[in-house]
Amino acid sequence: MSADLRIPPNERGVIRVFALSMTDQDARALKDDSDAIDAALGTSVDANQVEVFPVSDLEGVGLVGYLAEGNAVAAEQLSPDKAKLDKLGGWVMIVFSLAFEDRETVLEPVAALTLIGTYGEVRTDWRATETVEADSAKPYSAPPETVKKKPSDAAMSGRIAMIALLVLGLLTWVMIRIGG
């Protein structure tokens, strides 16, 4: 079994392209049936992370263009397989890493599936390219807590008015209870 068919746990950003050697009817059925996708790959997957379609749907873009532009696969990765990908006809299955739901698994595809290639998506490098030297960037550099600010005159007036209304409401209620 190929090392490409072993899926490590928590895999991210990997795309596997399979050629489907089956009739259009069988491929269409596979496209719409998650149990059939599981059976074809030999393991349970999230079918929402699997695409099954005829290569002819990519007219004008092609499979290489779809992988490069639509799925962020670097051209350098695709170039060794470009001729093979360009010649593909019929139906293909594209399986994204998220299909395996972070599980370690081994794909055991049926004979009608041929792995064409495994490609990595271009990932954004979020590491800082330079060190920030400003004092404000240092840990614990925020100013210490200052004395609590006094409420504004408007806030105080509102609080006094609210208390006065509550007292009047309470007195009215007491007068009604005593008088009634």
C-alpha atoms as a PDB file:
ATOM      1  CA  MET A   1       0.000   0.000   0.000  1.00  0.00           C
ATOM      2  CA  SER A   2       1.242   3.466  -0.874  1.00  0.00           C
ATOM      3  CA  ALA A   3       2.485   5.771   1.889  1.00  0.00           C
ATOM      4  CA  ASP A   4       0.222   8.470   0.386  1.00  0.00           C
ATOM      5  CA  LEU A   5      -2.792   6.467   1.501  1.00  0.00           C
ATOM      6  CA  ARG A   6      -1.964   6.669   5.202  1.00  0.00           C
ATOM      7  CA  ILE A   7      -3.639   9.744   6.694  1.00  0.00           C
ATOM      8  CA  PRO A   8      -1.957  11.145   9.818  1.00  0.00           C
ATOM      9  CA  PRO A   9      -4.066  12.544  12.649  1.00  0.00           C
ATOM     10  CA  ASN A  10      -4.945  16.249  12.448  1.00  0.00           C
ATOM     11  CA  GLU A  11      -3.840  16.511   8.819  1.00  0.00           C
ATOM     12  CA  ARG A  12      -4.544  19.918   7.240  1.00  0.00           C
ATOM     13  CA  GLY A  13      -4.168  21.383   3.773  1.00  0.00           C
ATOM     14  CA  VAL A  14      -3.673  18.183   1.763  1.00  0.00           C
ATOM     15  CA  ILE A  15      -5.662  17.376  -1.366  1.00  0.00           C
ATOM     16  CA  ARG A  16      -5.775  13.924  -2.949  1.00  0.00           C
ATOM     17  CA  VAL A  17      -6.904  13.556  -6.551  1.00  0.00           C
ATOM     18  CA  PHE A  18      -8.288  10.217  -7.758  1.00  0.00           C
ATOM     19  CA  ALA A  19      -9.271   9.232 -11.292  1.00  0.00           C
ATOM     20  CA  LEU A  20     -12.509   7.230 -11.417  1.00  0.00           C
ATOM     21  CA  SER A  21     -12.594   4.259 -13.781  1.00  0.00           C
ATOM     22  CA  MET A  22     -16.353   3.735 -13.822  1.00  0.00           C
ATOM     23  CA  THR A  23     -19.408   4.509 -15.879  1.00  0.00           C
ATOM     24  CA  ASP A  24     -20.986   7.955 -15.778  1.00  0.00           C
ATOM     25  CA  GLN A  25     -23.984   6.427 -14.016  1.00  0.00           C
ATOM     26  CA  ASP A  26     -21.805   4.872 -11.285  1.00  0.00           C
ATOM     27  CA  ALA A  27     -19.829   8.094 -10.866  1.00  0.00           C
ATOM     28  CA  ARG A  28     -23.036  10.164 -10.590  1.00  0.00           C
ATOM     29  CA  ALA A  29     -24.322   7.737  -7.971  1.00  0.00           C
ATOM     30  CA  LEU A  30     -21.048   8.063  -6.071  1.00  0.00           C
ATOM     31  CA  LYS A  31     -21.315  11.854  -6.177  1.00  0.00           C
ATOM     32  CA  ASP A  32     -24.689  11.833  -4.426  1.00  0.00           C
ATOM     33  CA  ASP A  33     -24.186   9.044  -1.886  1.00  0.00           C
ATOM     34  CA  SER A  34     -21.962   9.456   1.190  1.00  0.00           C
ATOM     35  CA  ASP A  35     -22.133   5.719   1.943  1.00  0.00           C
ATOM     36  CA  ALA A  36     -20.868   4.976  -1.577  1.00  0.00           C
ATOM     37  CA  ILE A  37     -17.993   7.454  -1.063  1.00  0.00           C
ATOM     38  CA  ASP A  38     -17.093   5.696   2.201  1.00  0.00           C
ATOM     39  CA  ALA A  39     -17.174   2.312   0.436  1.00  0.00           C
ATOM     40  CA  ALA A  40     -15.076   3.593  -2.480  1.00  0.00           C
ATOM     41  CA  LEU A  41     -12.377   5.010  -0.163  1.00  0.00           C
ATOM     42  CA  GLY A  42     -12.508   2.079   2.259  1.00  0.00           C
ATOM     43  CA  THR A  43     -13.068   4.320   5.282  1.00  0.00           C
ATOM     44  CA  SER A  44     -15.648   6.642   6.753  1.00  0.00           C
ATOM     45  CA  VAL A  45     -15.228  10.272   5.644  1.00  0.00           C
ATOM     46  CA  ASP A  46     -17.114  13.566   5.761  1.00  0.00           C
ATOM     47  CA  ALA A  47     -18.657  13.535   2.289  1.00  0.00           C
ATOM     48  CA  ASN A  48     -18.955  17.336   2.397  1.00  0.00           C
ATOM     49  CA  GLN A  49     -15.158  17.415   2.051  1.00  0.00           C
ATOM     50  CA  VAL A  50     -15.137  15.210  -1.050  1.00  0.00           C
ATOM     51  CA  GLU A  51     -15.836  16.427  -4.583  1.00  0.00           C
ATOM     52  CA  VAL A  52     -16.840  14.071  -7.381  1.00  0.00           C
ATOM     53  CA  PHE A  53     -17.293  15.570 -10.852  1.00  0.00           C
ATOM     54  CA  PRO A  54     -16.542  15.080 -14.530  1.00  0.00           C
ATOM     55  CA  VAL A  55     -13.367  16.783 -15.698  1.00  0.00           C
ATOM     56  CA  SER A  56     -15.403  18.226 -18.567  1.00  0.00           C
ATOM     57  CA  ASP A  57     -17.088  20.530 -15.989  1.00  0.00           C
ATOM     58  CA  LEU A  58     -13.753  22.371 -15.802  1.00  0.00           C
ATOM     59  CA  GLU A  59     -13.718  23.378 -19.463  1.00  0.00           C
ATOM     60  CA  GLY A  60     -11.622  26.510 -19.919  1.00  0.00           C
ATOM     61  CA  VAL A  61      -9.953  26.110 -16.519  1.00  0.00           C
ATOM     62  CA  GLY A  62      -8.826  22.504 -16.567  1.00  0.00           C
ATOM     63  CA  LEU A  63      -7.982  20.320 -13.603  1.00  0.00           C
ATOM     64  CA  VAL A  64      -4.558  21.933 -13.128  1.00  0.00           C
ATOM     65  CA  GLY A  65      -6.146  25.399 -13.089  1.00  0.00           C
ATOM     66  CA  TYR A  66      -8.850  24.240 -10.705  1.00  0.00           C
ATOM     67  CA  LEU A  67      -6.291  22.857  -8.280  1.00  0.00           C
ATOM     68  CA  ALA A  68      -3.986  25.881  -8.559  1.00  0.00           C
ATOM     69  CA  GLU A  69      -6.523  28.696  -8.615  1.00  0.00           C
ATOM     70  CA  GLY A  70      -9.480  27.117  -6.874  1.00  0.00           C
ATOM     71  CA  ASN A  71      -7.661  25.166  -4.192  1.00  0.00           C
ATOM     72  CA  ALA A  72      -4.375  27.031  -3.650  1.00  0.00           C
ATOM     73  CA  VAL A  73      -2.018  24.289  -4.807  1.00  0.00           C
ATOM     74  CA  ALA A  74       1.365  25.718  -5.815  1.00  0.00           C
ATOM     75  CA  ALA A  75       2.227  25.436  -9.517  1.00  0.00           C
ATOM     76  CA  GLU A  76       5.592  23.882  -8.550  1.00  0.00           C
ATOM     77  CA  GLN A  77       3.751  20.959  -6.959  1.00  0.00           C
ATOM     78  CA  LEU A  78       1.527  20.448  -9.975  1.00  0.00           C
ATOM     79  CA  SER A  79       4.219  20.722 -12.655  1.00  0.00           C
ATOM     80  CA  PRO A  80       5.528  17.109 -12.335  1.00  0.00           C
ATOM     81  CA  ASP A  81       1.958  15.798 -12.806  1.00  0.00           C
ATOM     82  CA  LYS A  82       0.730  18.485 -15.228  1.00  0.00           C
ATOM     83  CA  ALA A  83       0.720  16.250 -18.314  1.00  0.00           C
ATOM     84  CA  LYS A  84      -1.043  13.459 -16.421  1.00  0.00           C
ATOM     85  CA  LEU A  85      -3.641  15.862 -14.987  1.00  0.00           C
ATOM     86  CA  ASP A  86      -4.223  17.512 -18.376  1.00  0.00           C
ATOM     87  CA  LYS A  87      -4.854  14.133 -20.042  1.00  0.00           C
ATOM     88  CA  LEU A  88      -7.405  13.014 -17.454  1.00  0.00           C
ATOM     89  CA  GLY A  89     -10.909  12.585 -18.794  1.00  0.00           C
ATOM     90  CA  GLY A  90     -14.036  11.152 -17.285  1.00  0.00           C
ATOM     91  CA  TRP A  91     -14.706  11.658 -13.594  1.00  0.00           C
ATOM     92  CA  VAL A  92     -12.407  12.571 -10.707  1.00  0.00           C
ATOM     93  CA  MET A  93     -12.694  12.551  -6.944  1.00  0.00           C
ATOM     94  CA  ILE A  94     -10.956  15.198  -4.869  1.00  0.00           C
ATOM     95  CA  VAL A  95     -10.588  14.401  -1.175  1.00  0.00           C
ATOM     96  CA  PHE A  96      -9.638  17.210   1.210  1.00  0.00           C
ATOM     97  CA  SER A  97      -7.895  16.650   4.562  1.00  0.00           C
ATOM     98  CA  LEU A  98     -10.955  17.750   6.509  1.00  0.00           C
ATOM     99  CA  ALA A  99     -12.791  14.690   5.145  1.00  0.00           C
ATOM    100  CA  PHE A 100     -10.919  12.575   7.702  1.00  0.00           C
ATOM    101  CA  GLU A 101     -12.132  14.676  10.658  1.00  0.00           C
ATOM    102  CA  ASP A 102      -8.673  14.760  12.297  1.00  0.00           C
ATOM    103  CA  ARG A 103      -8.567  10.947  12.555  1.00  0.00           C
ATOM    104  CA  GLU A 104      -5.577   8.828  11.642  1.00  0.00           C
ATOM    105  CA  THR A 105      -6.739   6.428   8.990  1.00  0.00           C
ATOM    106  CA  VAL A 106      -5.646   4.355   6.031  1.00  0.00           C
ATOM    107  CA  LEU A 107      -7.426   4.684   2.715  1.00  0.00           C
ATOM    108  CA  GLU A 108      -8.198   1.389   1.024  1.00  0.00           C
ATOM    109  CA  PRO A 109      -9.736   2.568  -2.243  1.00  0.00           C
ATOM    110  CA  VAL A 110     -11.581   0.219  -4.557  1.00  0.00           C
ATOM    111  CA  ALA A 111      -9.886  -0.737  -7.820  1.00  0.00           C
ATOM    112  CA  ALA A 112     -11.958   1.850  -9.739  1.00  0.00           C
ATOM    113  CA  LEU A 113     -10.125   4.678  -7.923  1.00  0.00           C
ATOM    114  CA  THR A 114      -6.590   5.531  -8.986  1.00  0.00           C
ATOM    115  CA  LEU A 115      -4.598   8.012  -6.946  1.00  0.00           C
ATOM    116  CA  ILE A 116      -3.249  10.585  -9.393  1.00  0.00           C
ATOM    117  CA  GLY A 117      -1.518  12.838  -6.898  1.00  0.00           C
ATOM    118  CA  THR A 118      -1.336  14.266  -3.411  1.00  0.00           C
ATOM    119  CA  TYR A 119      -0.880  18.019  -3.155  1.00  0.00           C
ATOM    120  CA  GLY A 120      -0.525  20.530  -0.364  1.00  0.00           C
ATOM    121  CA  GLU A 121      -2.406  23.799  -0.267  1.00  0.00           C
ATOM    122  CA  VAL A 122      -0.290  26.948  -0.063  1.00  0.00           C
ATOM    123  CA  ARG A 123      -0.369  27.957   3.597  1.00  0.00           C
ATOM    124  CA  THR A 124      -0.073  31.495   4.904  1.00  0.00           C
ATOM    125  CA  ASP A 125       3.014  32.046   7.031  1.00  0.00           C
ATOM    126  CA  TRP A 126       1.752  33.999  10.017  1.00  0.00           C
ATOM    127  CA  ARG A 127       5.139  34.319  11.697  1.00  0.00           C
ATOM    128  CA  ALA A 128       6.378  37.857  12.274  1.00  0.00           C
ATOM    129  CA  THR A 129       9.131  38.875   9.901  1.00  0.00           C
ATOM    130  CA  GLU A 130      10.658  41.428  12.221  1.00  0.00           C
ATOM    131  CA  THR A 131      10.865  41.963  15.953  1.00  0.00           C
ATOM    132  CA  VAL A 132       8.986  44.869  17.456  1.00  0.00           C
ATOM    133  CA  GLU A 133      11.268  46.741  19.845  1.00  0.00           C
ATOM    134  CA  ALA A 134       8.913  49.456  21.168  1.00  0.00           C
ATOM    135  CA  ASP A 135       8.525  49.649  24.950  1.00  0.00           C
ATOM    136  CA  SER A 136       4.749  49.356  24.565  1.00  0.00           C
ATOM    137  CA  ALA A 137       5.204  45.926  22.911  1.00  0.00           C
ATOM    138  CA  LYS A 138       6.970  44.481  25.952  1.00  0.00           C
ATOM    139  CA  PRO A 139       5.009  42.250  28.317  1.00  0.00           C
ATOM    140  CA  TYR A 140       3.383  43.984  31.276  1.00  0.00           C
ATOM    141  CA  SER A 141       4.049  47.419  29.800  1.00  0.00           C
ATOM    142  CA  ALA A 142       0.500  48.733  30.186  1.00  0.00           C
ATOM    143  CA  PRO A 143       0.126  51.614  32.639  1.00  0.00           C
ATOM    144  CA  PRO A 144      -0.975  50.615  36.145  1.00  0.00           C
ATOM    145  CA  GLU A 145      -4.627  50.955  37.031  1.00  0.00           C
ATOM    146  CA  THR A 146      -5.434  54.556  37.841  1.00  0.00           C
ATOM    147  CA  VAL A 147      -7.825  55.915  40.439  1.00  0.00           C
ATOM    148  CA  LYS A 148     -11.389  55.098  39.588  1.00  0.00           C
ATOM    149  CA  LYS A 149     -13.068  57.914  37.708  1.00  0.00           C
ATOM    150  CA  LYS A 150     -15.988  59.715  39.403  1.00  0.00           C
ATOM    151  CA  PRO A 151     -19.381  59.382  37.740  1.00  0.00           C
ATOM    152  CA  SER A 152     -20.419  62.457  35.759  1.00  0.00           C
ATOM    153  CA  ASP A 153     -22.942  64.974  37.110  1.00  0.00           C
ATOM    154  CA  ALA A 154     -25.515  63.695  34.622  1.00  0.00           C
ATOM    155  CA  ALA A 155     -25.048  60.110  35.855  1.00  0.00           C
ATOM    156  CA  MET A 156     -25.436  61.248  39.474  1.00  0.00           C
ATOM    157  CA  SER A 157     -28.597  63.227  38.629  1.00  0.00           C
ATOM    158  CA  GLY A 158     -30.060  60.183  36.922  1.00  0.00           C
ATOM    159  CA  ARG A 159     -29.346  57.977  39.916  1.00  0.00           C
ATOM    160  CA  ILE A 160     -30.950  60.503  42.322  1.00  0.00           C
ATOM    161  CA  ALA A 161     -34.035  60.797  40.098  1.00  0.00           C
ATOM    162  CA  MET A 162     -34.370  57.003  39.938  1.00  0.00           C
ATOM    163  CA  ILE A 163     -34.175  56.700  43.748  1.00  0.00           C
ATOM    164  CA  ALA A 164     -36.751  59.496  44.178  1.00  0.00           C
ATOM    165  CA  LEU A 165     -39.170  57.731  41.783  1.00  0.00           C
ATOM    166  CA  LEU A 166     -38.711  54.432  43.612  1.00  0.00           C
ATOM    167  CA  VAL A 167     -39.430  56.083  46.993  1.00  0.00           C
ATOM    168  CA  LEU A 168     -42.542  57.816  45.596  1.00  0.00           C
ATOM    169  CA  GLY A 169     -43.728  54.563  44.048  1.00  0.00           C
ATOM    170  CA  LEU A 170     -43.209  52.701  47.325  1.00  0.00           C
ATOM    171  CA  LEU A 171     -45.070  55.414  49.316  1.00  0.00           C
ATOM    172  CA  THR A 172     -47.961  55.309  46.826  1.00  0.00           C
ATOM    173  CA  TRP A 173     -48.185  51.549  47.120  1.00  0.00           C
ATOM    174  CA  VAL A 174     -48.164  51.734  50.956  1.00  0.00           C
ATOM    175  CA  MET A 175     -50.891  54.430  50.936  1.00  0.00           C
ATOM    176  CA  ILE A 176     -53.075  52.314  48.644  1.00  0.00           C
ATOM    177  CA  ARG A 177     -52.630  49.238  50.853  1.00  0.00           C
ATOM    178  CA  ILE A 178     -53.382  51.135  54.068  1.00  0.00           C
ATOM    179  CA  GLY A 179     -56.264  53.108  52.618  1.00  0.00           C
ATOM    180  CA  GLY A 180     -57.871  50.227  50.674  1.00  0.00           C
END
